[in-house]
Amino acid sequence: MFISASQAISAGDEISIDYQLSVDGRRTAAVRAAYACRCRSPECRGTMLAR
């Protein structure tokens, strides 16, 4: 895995990753619940799944 930053990251900076996961099959309520993000950040999309 390789992650590239769009700007310099200093020690102590908070970083986040939008996983944009894809799953096989339908996105049922159970699948959405299994991949729900619970970080509580106001900028969070609420899911680890791709759009």
C-alpha atoms as a PDB file:
ATOM      1  CA  MET A   1       0.000   0.000   0.000  1.00  0.00           C
ATOM      2  CA  PHE A   2       1.220   3.509  -0.804  1.00  0.00           C
ATOM      3  CA  ILE A   3      -0.305   6.669   0.609  1.00  0.00           C
ATOM      4  CA  SER A   4       0.634  10.085  -0.753  1.00  0.00           C
ATOM      5  CA  ALA A   5      -0.096  13.299   1.128  1.00  0.00           C
ATOM      6  CA  SER A   6      -1.233  16.428  -0.695  1.00  0.00           C
ATOM      7  CA  GLN A   7       0.671  18.599   1.792  1.00  0.00           C
ATOM      8  CA  ALA A   8       3.454  18.251   4.357  1.00  0.00           C
ATOM      9  CA  ILE A   9       2.518  16.391   7.547  1.00  0.00           C
ATOM     10  CA  SER A  10       4.219  17.452  10.754  1.00  0.00           C
ATOM     11  CA  ALA A  11       4.627  15.396  13.918  1.00  0.00           C
ATOM     12  CA  GLY A  12       1.423  15.657  15.948  1.00  0.00           C
ATOM     13  CA  ASP A  13      -0.801  16.511  12.949  1.00  0.00           C
ATOM     14  CA  GLU A  14      -4.070  14.593  12.795  1.00  0.00           C
ATOM     15  CA  ILE A  15      -4.611  12.726   9.540  1.00  0.00           C
ATOM     16  CA  SER A  16      -7.517  10.683   8.244  1.00  0.00           C
ATOM     17  CA  ILE A  17      -8.080   8.191   5.451  1.00  0.00           C
ATOM     18  CA  ASP A  18     -11.238   7.815   3.371  1.00  0.00           C
ATOM     19  CA  TYR A  19     -11.096   4.088   2.641  1.00  0.00           C
ATOM     20  CA  GLN A  20     -13.659   4.118  -0.221  1.00  0.00           C
ATOM     21  CA  LEU A  21     -14.147   0.334   0.111  1.00  0.00           C
ATOM     22  CA  SER A  22     -16.077  -1.609  -2.499  1.00  0.00           C
ATOM     23  CA  VAL A  23     -18.056  -4.749  -1.705  1.00  0.00           C
ATOM     24  CA  ASP A  24     -19.415  -7.506  -3.902  1.00  0.00           C
ATOM     25  CA  GLY A  25     -23.168  -7.751  -4.150  1.00  0.00           C
ATOM     26  CA  ARG A  26     -25.869  -5.405  -2.945  1.00  0.00           C
ATOM     27  CA  ARG A  27     -25.444  -2.770  -0.288  1.00  0.00           C
ATOM     28  CA  THR A  28     -28.000  -4.031   2.171  1.00  0.00           C
ATOM     29  CA  ALA A  29     -28.675  -2.394   5.514  1.00  0.00           C
ATOM     30  CA  ALA A  30     -26.505  -5.085   7.128  1.00  0.00           C
ATOM     31  CA  VAL A  31     -23.584  -4.292   4.808  1.00  0.00           C
ATOM     32  CA  ARG A  32     -23.927  -0.557   5.445  1.00  0.00           C
ATOM     33  CA  ALA A  33     -24.038  -1.202   9.200  1.00  0.00           C
ATOM     34  CA  ALA A  34     -20.959  -3.440   9.042  1.00  0.00           C
ATOM     35  CA  TYR A  35     -18.967  -0.660   7.351  1.00  0.00           C
ATOM     36  CA  ALA A  36     -20.360   2.295   9.289  1.00  0.00           C
ATOM     37  CA  CYS A  37     -17.778   4.775  10.529  1.00  0.00           C
ATOM     38  CA  ARG A  38     -18.171   5.871  14.110  1.00  0.00           C
ATOM     39  CA  CYS A  39     -15.382   8.446  14.312  1.00  0.00           C
ATOM     40  CA  ARG A  40     -17.885  11.276  15.010  1.00  0.00           C
ATOM     41  CA  SER A  41     -15.945  13.836  12.986  1.00  0.00           C
ATOM     42  CA  PRO A  42     -18.222  16.554  11.550  1.00  0.00           C
ATOM     43  CA  GLU A  43     -16.539  16.034   8.151  1.00  0.00           C
ATOM     44  CA  CYS A  44     -17.088  12.241   8.162  1.00  0.00           C
ATOM     45  CA  ARG A  45     -19.301  10.661   5.479  1.00  0.00           C
ATOM     46  CA  GLY A  46     -20.460   8.081   8.052  1.00  0.00           C
ATOM     47  CA  THR A  47     -19.280   5.088   6.039  1.00  0.00           C
ATOM     48  CA  MET A  48     -16.079   3.373   4.963  1.00  0.00           C
ATOM     49  CA  LEU A  49     -17.767   2.330   1.703  1.00  0.00           C
ATOM     50  CA  ALA A  50     -17.143   4.022  -1.624  1.00  0.00           C
ATOM     51  CA  ARG A  51     -19.783   6.427  -2.890  1.00  0.00           C
END
